[in-house]
């Protein structure tokens, strides 16, 4: 995502035009109906106060994998709910909505903490469930935005200042290959350090100045009838094969 210095008039116009097609509150396309985040329970409570249209394996059927039968332009919000609530865990459920310059829905997010989102995505480009004490309070705020166009548009203004790069296969390879190389080099260095820690040079410990191929044999002969014989046997076998 790249920032631009001057707002674009085209994006401002698109933001205004998108309001004319919006009539329904919330859309959610979901395939995993039982999650660690218990997002499905949250949605059940939310539906008691505002309409939520659910598509996918947990709702109305889609005619294809992309649910192309849904008119997304008519929705104000999209539930970008993750299946786990973990630190820095943000997936395509968020990025697909932010990348969508056609329908311009505002994502409602659940997953990582709000501070994690704030570090990555533009300010006021999403609504986090943790900002509200209950699903009912969230529903009241969403209804307020739907009846106050100026306040709703505040969540689309960021599109006038940022350009989103598409996530195509070439860019993913360009990002992942250097990461794989770094991980490989780090693992290689760690293996070398482990080998160095495990390697014990008895010869250097006993007498660092002894030359393995000459003096060790002489010292061994001198000590073979003493109590050092066992130690010298060990030194000789390990350091001088």
C-alpha atoms as a PDB file:
ATOM      1  CA  UNK A   1       0.000   0.000   0.000  1.00  0.00           C
ATOM      2  CA  UNK A   2       1.597   3.269  -1.148  1.00  0.00           C
ATOM      3  CA  UNK A   3       0.686   6.747   0.057  1.00  0.00           C
ATOM      4  CA  UNK A   4       0.251   9.716  -2.280  1.00  0.00           C
ATOM      5  CA  UNK A   5       0.760  13.340  -1.362  1.00  0.00           C
ATOM      6  CA  UNK A   6      -2.319  14.842  -2.995  1.00  0.00           C
ATOM      7  CA  UNK A   7      -5.858  13.431  -2.734  1.00  0.00           C
ATOM      8  CA  UNK A   8      -7.337  12.249  -6.015  1.00  0.00           C
ATOM      9  CA  UNK A   9     -10.608  13.785  -7.220  1.00  0.00           C
ATOM     10  CA  UNK A  10     -11.516  10.553  -9.009  1.00  0.00           C
ATOM     11  CA  UNK A  11     -11.521   8.546  -5.785  1.00  0.00           C
ATOM     12  CA  UNK A  12     -13.562  11.226  -4.053  1.00  0.00           C
ATOM     13  CA  UNK A  13     -16.182  10.993  -6.800  1.00  0.00           C
ATOM     14  CA  UNK A  14     -16.213   7.189  -6.623  1.00  0.00           C
ATOM     15  CA  UNK A  15     -16.757   7.347  -2.885  1.00  0.00           C
ATOM     16  CA  UNK A  16     -19.780   9.601  -3.358  1.00  0.00           C
ATOM     17  CA  UNK A  17     -21.238   7.485  -6.157  1.00  0.00           C
ATOM     18  CA  UNK A  18     -20.895   4.298  -4.114  1.00  0.00           C
ATOM     19  CA  UNK A  19     -23.405   5.658  -1.600  1.00  0.00           C
ATOM     20  CA  UNK A  20     -26.175   5.691  -4.202  1.00  0.00           C
ATOM     21  CA  UNK A  21     -26.148   1.892  -4.556  1.00  0.00           C
ATOM     22  CA  UNK A  22     -26.001   1.001  -0.859  1.00  0.00           C
ATOM     23  CA  UNK A  23     -29.225  -0.197   0.726  1.00  0.00           C
ATOM     24  CA  UNK A  24     -28.363  -3.143   2.993  1.00  0.00           C
ATOM     25  CA  UNK A  25     -26.331  -3.077   6.215  1.00  0.00           C
ATOM     26  CA  UNK A  26     -23.913  -6.021   6.410  1.00  0.00           C
ATOM     27  CA  UNK A  27     -22.579  -8.818   4.207  1.00  0.00           C
ATOM     28  CA  UNK A  28     -20.664 -11.870   5.435  1.00  0.00           C
ATOM     29  CA  UNK A  29     -19.291 -14.635   3.197  1.00  0.00           C
ATOM     30  CA  UNK A  30     -18.076 -17.510   5.370  1.00  0.00           C
ATOM     31  CA  UNK A  31     -17.229 -21.201   5.012  1.00  0.00           C
ATOM     32  CA  UNK A  32     -15.999 -22.175   8.503  1.00  0.00           C
ATOM     33  CA  UNK A  33     -18.993 -22.292  10.819  1.00  0.00           C
ATOM     34  CA  UNK A  34     -17.241 -23.308  14.061  1.00  0.00           C
ATOM     35  CA  UNK A  35     -14.173 -21.269  14.990  1.00  0.00           C
ATOM     36  CA  UNK A  36     -11.812 -20.610  17.890  1.00  0.00           C
ATOM     37  CA  UNK A  37     -12.737 -16.925  17.810  1.00  0.00           C
ATOM     38  CA  UNK A  38     -16.424 -17.841  18.220  1.00  0.00           C
ATOM     39  CA  UNK A  39     -17.207 -15.237  15.598  1.00  0.00           C
ATOM     40  CA  UNK A  40     -20.401 -17.111  14.722  1.00  0.00           C
ATOM     41  CA  UNK A  41     -21.713 -16.501  18.258  1.00  0.00           C
ATOM     42  CA  UNK A  42     -20.936 -12.804  17.958  1.00  0.00           C
ATOM     43  CA  UNK A  43     -22.821 -12.630  14.652  1.00  0.00           C
ATOM     44  CA  UNK A  44     -25.845 -14.343  16.205  1.00  0.00           C
ATOM     45  CA  UNK A  45     -26.014 -11.583  18.808  1.00  0.00           C
ATOM     46  CA  UNK A  46     -25.375  -8.896  16.211  1.00  0.00           C
ATOM     47  CA  UNK A  47     -28.257 -10.147  14.058  1.00  0.00           C
ATOM     48  CA  UNK A  48     -30.644  -9.450  16.919  1.00  0.00           C
ATOM     49  CA  UNK A  49     -30.073  -5.727  16.376  1.00  0.00           C
ATOM     50  CA  UNK A  50     -29.187  -5.317  12.680  1.00  0.00           C
ATOM     51  CA  UNK A  51     -29.605  -7.344   9.480  1.00  0.00           C
ATOM     52  CA  UNK A  52     -26.661  -9.501   8.412  1.00  0.00           C
ATOM     53  CA  UNK A  53     -26.795 -11.359   5.080  1.00  0.00           C
ATOM     54  CA  UNK A  54     -24.707 -14.540   5.314  1.00  0.00           C
ATOM     55  CA  UNK A  55     -23.495 -16.443   2.250  1.00  0.00           C
ATOM     56  CA  UNK A  56     -21.304 -19.510   1.797  1.00  0.00           C
ATOM     57  CA  UNK A  57     -21.309 -22.845   3.615  1.00  0.00           C
ATOM     58  CA  UNK A  58     -22.740 -21.190   6.727  1.00  0.00           C
ATOM     59  CA  UNK A  59     -25.520 -19.308   4.942  1.00  0.00           C
ATOM     60  CA  UNK A  60     -27.110 -18.850   1.548  1.00  0.00           C
ATOM     61  CA  UNK A  61     -25.462 -20.749  -1.284  1.00  0.00           C
ATOM     62  CA  UNK A  62     -23.101 -19.115  -3.737  1.00  0.00           C
ATOM     63  CA  UNK A  63     -23.192 -20.107  -7.394  1.00  0.00           C
ATOM     64  CA  UNK A  64     -19.373 -20.259  -7.537  1.00  0.00           C
ATOM     65  CA  UNK A  65     -16.271 -19.941  -5.363  1.00  0.00           C
ATOM     66  CA  UNK A  66     -16.269 -16.147  -5.628  1.00  0.00           C
ATOM     67  CA  UNK A  67     -19.999 -15.771  -4.863  1.00  0.00           C
ATOM     68  CA  UNK A  68     -20.439 -13.728  -8.022  1.00  0.00           C
ATOM     69  CA  UNK A  69     -24.218 -13.886  -7.584  1.00  0.00           C
ATOM     70  CA  UNK A  70     -24.012 -11.351  -4.743  1.00  0.00           C
ATOM     71  CA  UNK A  71     -24.512  -7.685  -5.519  1.00  0.00           C
ATOM     72  CA  UNK A  72     -21.913  -6.353  -3.101  1.00  0.00           C
ATOM     73  CA  UNK A  73     -22.512  -2.743  -4.130  1.00  0.00           C
ATOM     74  CA  UNK A  74     -25.715  -2.671  -2.111  1.00  0.00           C
ATOM     75  CA  UNK A  75     -23.945  -3.258   1.228  1.00  0.00           C
ATOM     76  CA  UNK A  76     -22.415  -0.730   3.596  1.00  0.00           C
ATOM     77  CA  UNK A  77     -20.284  -3.090   5.677  1.00  0.00           C
ATOM     78  CA  UNK A  78     -18.504  -6.426   5.455  1.00  0.00           C
ATOM     79  CA  UNK A  79     -17.624  -8.738   8.356  1.00  0.00           C
ATOM     80  CA  UNK A  80     -13.889  -9.421   8.105  1.00  0.00           C
ATOM     81  CA  UNK A  81     -13.938 -11.804  11.063  1.00  0.00           C
ATOM     82  CA  UNK A  82     -10.927 -14.095  11.525  1.00  0.00           C
ATOM     83  CA  UNK A  83     -11.327 -17.662  12.766  1.00  0.00           C
ATOM     84  CA  UNK A  84      -8.819 -16.985  15.578  1.00  0.00           C
ATOM     85  CA  UNK A  85      -8.128 -13.968  17.746  1.00  0.00           C
ATOM     86  CA  UNK A  86      -4.347 -13.861  17.735  1.00  0.00           C
ATOM     87  CA  UNK A  87      -1.710 -11.158  17.812  1.00  0.00           C
ATOM     88  CA  UNK A  88      -1.050  -9.622  14.361  1.00  0.00           C
ATOM     89  CA  UNK A  89      -3.382 -12.150  12.721  1.00  0.00           C
ATOM     90  CA  UNK A  90      -4.934 -10.473   9.682  1.00  0.00           C
ATOM     91  CA  UNK A  91      -5.774 -12.392   6.521  1.00  0.00           C
ATOM     92  CA  UNK A  92      -7.399 -11.949   3.125  1.00  0.00           C
ATOM     93  CA  UNK A  93     -10.716 -11.407   4.913  1.00  0.00           C
ATOM     94  CA  UNK A  94      -9.517  -7.847   5.468  1.00  0.00           C
ATOM     95  CA  UNK A  95      -7.234  -7.301   2.481  1.00  0.00           C
ATOM     96  CA  UNK A  96      -9.774  -8.431  -0.113  1.00  0.00           C
ATOM     97  CA  UNK A  97     -12.216  -5.780   1.063  1.00  0.00           C
ATOM     98  CA  UNK A  98      -9.600  -3.039   1.202  1.00  0.00           C
ATOM     99  CA  UNK A  99      -8.374  -4.034  -2.264  1.00  0.00           C
ATOM    100  CA  UNK A 100     -11.906  -3.882  -3.657  1.00  0.00           C
ATOM    101  CA  UNK A 101     -12.129  -0.480  -5.330  1.00  0.00           C
ATOM    102  CA  UNK A 102     -15.443  -1.302  -7.019  1.00  0.00           C
ATOM    103  CA  UNK A 103     -17.849  -2.024  -4.172  1.00  0.00           C
ATOM    104  CA  UNK A 104     -16.206   0.072  -1.424  1.00  0.00           C
ATOM    105  CA  UNK A 105     -17.490  -1.654   1.688  1.00  0.00           C
ATOM    106  CA  UNK A 106     -16.201  -0.761   5.141  1.00  0.00           C
ATOM    107  CA  UNK A 107     -14.720  -3.832   6.869  1.00  0.00           C
ATOM    108  CA  UNK A 108     -15.734  -4.671  10.428  1.00  0.00           C
ATOM    109  CA  UNK A 109     -12.827  -6.627  11.860  1.00  0.00           C
ATOM    110  CA  UNK A 110     -12.286  -9.256  14.533  1.00  0.00           C
ATOM    111  CA  UNK A 111      -8.984 -11.056  15.013  1.00  0.00           C
ATOM    112  CA  UNK A 112      -5.876  -9.182  16.099  1.00  0.00           C
ATOM    113  CA  UNK A 113      -5.960  -6.289  18.535  1.00  0.00           C
ATOM    114  CA  UNK A 114      -6.927  -2.884  17.201  1.00  0.00           C
ATOM    115  CA  UNK A 115      -3.390  -1.612  17.791  1.00  0.00           C
ATOM    116  CA  UNK A 116      -2.104  -4.288  15.396  1.00  0.00           C
ATOM    117  CA  UNK A 117      -4.464  -3.086  12.680  1.00  0.00           C
ATOM    118  CA  UNK A 118      -3.510   0.536  13.327  1.00  0.00           C
ATOM    119  CA  UNK A 119       0.137  -0.256  12.601  1.00  0.00           C
ATOM    120  CA  UNK A 120      -0.594  -1.681   9.147  1.00  0.00           C
ATOM    121  CA  UNK A 121      -3.735  -0.234   7.566  1.00  0.00           C
ATOM    122  CA  UNK A 122      -4.772   3.432   7.145  1.00  0.00           C
ATOM    123  CA  UNK A 123      -6.572   5.155   9.962  1.00  0.00           C
ATOM    124  CA  UNK A 124     -10.354   4.971   9.859  1.00  0.00           C
ATOM    125  CA  UNK A 125     -10.404   2.371   7.095  1.00  0.00           C
ATOM    126  CA  UNK A 126     -12.065  -0.247   9.333  1.00  0.00           C
ATOM    127  CA  UNK A 127     -14.246  -0.702  12.411  1.00  0.00           C
ATOM    128  CA  UNK A 128     -12.987  -2.989  15.187  1.00  0.00           C
ATOM    129  CA  UNK A 129     -15.432  -4.906  17.366  1.00  0.00           C
ATOM    130  CA  UNK A 130     -13.273  -4.260  20.441  1.00  0.00           C
ATOM    131  CA  UNK A 131     -14.242  -0.592  20.264  1.00  0.00           C
ATOM    132  CA  UNK A 132     -17.715  -1.555  21.493  1.00  0.00           C
ATOM    133  CA  UNK A 133     -18.854  -3.179  24.714  1.00  0.00           C
ATOM    134  CA  UNK A 134     -21.405  -5.385  22.983  1.00  0.00           C
ATOM    135  CA  UNK A 135     -22.779  -6.369  19.551  1.00  0.00           C
ATOM    136  CA  UNK A 136     -25.780  -4.192  20.341  1.00  0.00           C
ATOM    137  CA  UNK A 137     -23.596  -1.098  20.707  1.00  0.00           C
ATOM    138  CA  UNK A 138     -21.840  -1.929  17.448  1.00  0.00           C
ATOM    139  CA  UNK A 139     -25.201  -2.267  15.692  1.00  0.00           C
ATOM    140  CA  UNK A 140     -26.306   1.147  16.971  1.00  0.00           C
ATOM    141  CA  UNK A 141     -23.129   2.744  15.637  1.00  0.00           C
ATOM    142  CA  UNK A 142     -23.509   1.091  12.231  1.00  0.00           C
ATOM    143  CA  UNK A 143     -27.086   2.342  11.966  1.00  0.00           C
ATOM    144  CA  UNK A 144     -25.853   5.808  12.852  1.00  0.00           C
ATOM    145  CA  UNK A 145     -23.306   5.698  10.014  1.00  0.00           C
ATOM    146  CA  UNK A 146     -25.918   4.474   7.543  1.00  0.00           C
ATOM    147  CA  UNK A 147     -28.154   7.442   8.291  1.00  0.00           C
ATOM    148  CA  UNK A 148     -25.301   9.968   8.290  1.00  0.00           C
ATOM    149  CA  UNK A 149     -23.546   9.856   4.898  1.00  0.00           C
ATOM    150  CA  UNK A 150     -20.841  12.300   5.915  1.00  0.00           C
ATOM    151  CA  UNK A 151     -19.808  10.118   8.847  1.00  0.00           C
ATOM    152  CA  UNK A 152     -19.878   6.974   6.717  1.00  0.00           C
ATOM    153  CA  UNK A 153     -17.760   8.592   3.997  1.00  0.00           C
ATOM    154  CA  UNK A 154     -15.120   9.313   6.626  1.00  0.00           C
ATOM    155  CA  UNK A 155     -14.302   5.580   6.435  1.00  0.00           C
ATOM    156  CA  UNK A 156     -13.693   5.852   2.685  1.00  0.00           C
ATOM    157  CA  UNK A 157     -11.558   9.003   2.624  1.00  0.00           C
ATOM    158  CA  UNK A 158      -8.364   6.957   2.979  1.00  0.00           C
ATOM    159  CA  UNK A 159      -8.901   5.713  -0.585  1.00  0.00           C
ATOM    160  CA  UNK A 160      -8.186   9.242  -1.798  1.00  0.00           C
ATOM    161  CA  UNK A 161      -4.721   9.162  -0.221  1.00  0.00           C
ATOM    162  CA  UNK A 162      -3.520   5.586  -0.713  1.00  0.00           C
ATOM    163  CA  UNK A 163      -2.920   3.302  -3.665  1.00  0.00           C
ATOM    164  CA  UNK A 164      -3.252  -0.412  -3.010  1.00  0.00           C
ATOM    165  CA  UNK A 165      -0.944  -2.724  -4.901  1.00  0.00           C
ATOM    166  CA  UNK A 166      -2.629  -5.909  -6.163  1.00  0.00           C
ATOM    167  CA  UNK A 167      -1.476  -9.192  -4.631  1.00  0.00           C
ATOM    168  CA  UNK A 168      -0.475 -11.043  -7.787  1.00  0.00           C
ATOM    169  CA  UNK A 169       1.667 -14.174  -7.926  1.00  0.00           C
ATOM    170  CA  UNK A 170       4.806 -12.388  -9.104  1.00  0.00           C
ATOM    171  CA  UNK A 171       4.794  -9.982  -6.162  1.00  0.00           C
ATOM    172  CA  UNK A 172       4.196 -12.801  -3.690  1.00  0.00           C
ATOM    173  CA  UNK A 173       7.215 -14.673  -5.040  1.00  0.00           C
ATOM    174  CA  UNK A 174       9.285 -11.521  -4.842  1.00  0.00           C
ATOM    175  CA  UNK A 175       8.306 -11.174  -1.186  1.00  0.00           C
ATOM    176  CA  UNK A 176       8.539 -14.796  -0.098  1.00  0.00           C
ATOM    177  CA  UNK A 177      11.782 -15.854  -1.782  1.00  0.00           C
ATOM    178  CA  UNK A 178      13.976 -13.391   0.174  1.00  0.00           C
ATOM    179  CA  UNK A 179      12.225 -14.467   3.384  1.00  0.00           C
ATOM    180  CA  UNK A 180      12.952 -18.110   2.614  1.00  0.00           C
ATOM    181  CA  UNK A 181      16.599 -17.256   1.928  1.00  0.00           C
ATOM    182  CA  UNK A 182      16.902 -15.385   5.237  1.00  0.00           C
ATOM    183  CA  UNK A 183      15.281 -18.274   7.119  1.00  0.00           C
ATOM    184  CA  UNK A 184      17.654 -20.743   5.449  1.00  0.00           C
ATOM    185  CA  UNK A 185      20.758 -18.704   6.310  1.00  0.00           C
ATOM    186  CA  UNK A 186      19.645 -18.269   9.927  1.00  0.00           C
ATOM    187  CA  UNK A 187      19.001 -21.997  10.318  1.00  0.00           C
ATOM    188  CA  UNK A 188      22.398 -22.752   8.768  1.00  0.00           C
ATOM    189  CA  UNK A 189      24.129 -20.419  11.236  1.00  0.00           C
ATOM    190  CA  UNK A 190      22.251 -21.929  14.169  1.00  0.00           C
ATOM    191  CA  UNK A 191      23.303 -25.431  13.126  1.00  0.00           C
ATOM    192  CA  UNK A 192      26.928 -24.318  12.943  1.00  0.00           C
ATOM    193  CA  UNK A 193      26.717 -22.781  16.418  1.00  0.00           C
ATOM    194  CA  UNK A 194      25.153 -25.968  17.800  1.00  0.00           C
ATOM    195  CA  UNK A 195      27.942 -28.080  16.300  1.00  0.00           C
ATOM    196  CA  UNK A 196      30.574 -25.774  17.770  1.00  0.00           C
ATOM    197  CA  UNK A 197      28.990 -25.954  21.216  1.00  0.00           C
ATOM    198  CA  UNK A 198      28.850 -29.756  21.096  1.00  0.00           C
ATOM    199  CA  UNK A 199      32.418 -30.220  19.830  1.00  0.00           C
ATOM    200  CA  UNK A 200      35.008 -30.678  22.594  1.00  0.00           C
ATOM    201  CA  UNK A 201      38.685 -30.686  21.666  1.00  0.00           C
ATOM    202  CA  UNK A 202      40.318 -32.607  24.508  1.00  0.00           C
ATOM    203  CA  UNK A 203      43.796 -32.033  23.098  1.00  0.00           C
ATOM    204  CA  UNK A 204      43.475 -28.250  23.225  1.00  0.00           C
ATOM    205  CA  UNK A 205      41.874 -28.424  26.643  1.00  0.00           C
ATOM    206  CA  UNK A 206      44.691 -30.563  28.061  1.00  0.00           C
ATOM    207  CA  UNK A 207      47.640 -28.932  26.279  1.00  0.00           C
ATOM    208  CA  UNK A 208      46.874 -26.322  23.600  1.00  0.00           C
ATOM    209  CA  UNK A 209      50.508 -26.165  22.420  1.00  0.00           C
ATOM    210  CA  UNK A 210      50.769 -29.875  21.563  1.00  0.00           C
ATOM    211  CA  UNK A 211      50.967 -30.711  17.886  1.00  0.00           C
ATOM    212  CA  UNK A 212      48.625 -33.553  17.097  1.00  0.00           C
ATOM    213  CA  UNK A 213      50.759 -35.357  14.548  1.00  0.00           C
ATOM    214  CA  UNK A 214      54.058 -35.300  16.470  1.00  0.00           C
ATOM    215  CA  UNK A 215      54.109 -34.523  20.159  1.00  0.00           C
ATOM    216  CA  UNK A 216      50.901 -36.334  21.072  1.00  0.00           C
ATOM    217  CA  UNK A 217      52.535 -39.676  20.385  1.00  0.00           C
ATOM    218  CA  UNK A 218      55.566 -38.749  22.449  1.00  0.00           C
ATOM    219  CA  UNK A 219      53.487 -37.503  25.370  1.00  0.00           C
ATOM    220  CA  UNK A 220      51.332 -40.592  25.207  1.00  0.00           C
ATOM    221  CA  UNK A 221      54.412 -42.800  25.469  1.00  0.00           C
ATOM    222  CA  UNK A 222      55.674 -40.866  28.470  1.00  0.00           C
ATOM    223  CA  UNK A 223      52.361 -41.102  30.306  1.00  0.00           C
ATOM    224  CA  UNK A 224      51.260 -44.604  29.411  1.00  0.00           C
ATOM    225  CA  UNK A 225      52.328 -46.045  32.756  1.00  0.00           C
ATOM    226  CA  UNK A 226      50.835 -43.234  34.838  1.00  0.00           C
ATOM    227  CA  UNK A 227      47.364 -42.338  36.039  1.00  0.00           C
ATOM    228  CA  UNK A 228      47.031 -40.096  32.961  1.00  0.00           C
ATOM    229  CA  UNK A 229      46.972 -43.105  30.670  1.00  0.00           C
ATOM    230  CA  UNK A 230      43.178 -43.241  30.495  1.00  0.00           C
ATOM    231  CA  UNK A 231      42.913 -39.527  29.753  1.00  0.00           C
ATOM    232  CA  UNK A 232      45.656 -39.695  27.138  1.00  0.00           C
ATOM    233  CA  UNK A 233      43.944 -42.659  25.501  1.00  0.00           C
ATOM    234  CA  UNK A 234      40.838 -40.530  25.176  1.00  0.00           C
ATOM    235  CA  UNK A 235      42.806 -37.539  23.872  1.00  0.00           C
ATOM    236  CA  UNK A 236      44.699 -39.632  21.383  1.00  0.00           C
ATOM    237  CA  UNK A 237      41.677 -41.414  19.960  1.00  0.00           C
ATOM    238  CA  UNK A 238      39.489 -38.312  19.624  1.00  0.00           C
ATOM    239  CA  UNK A 239      41.977 -35.637  18.565  1.00  0.00           C
ATOM    240  CA  UNK A 240      44.396 -37.779  16.559  1.00  0.00           C
ATOM    241  CA  UNK A 241      42.505 -40.460  14.640  1.00  0.00           C
END
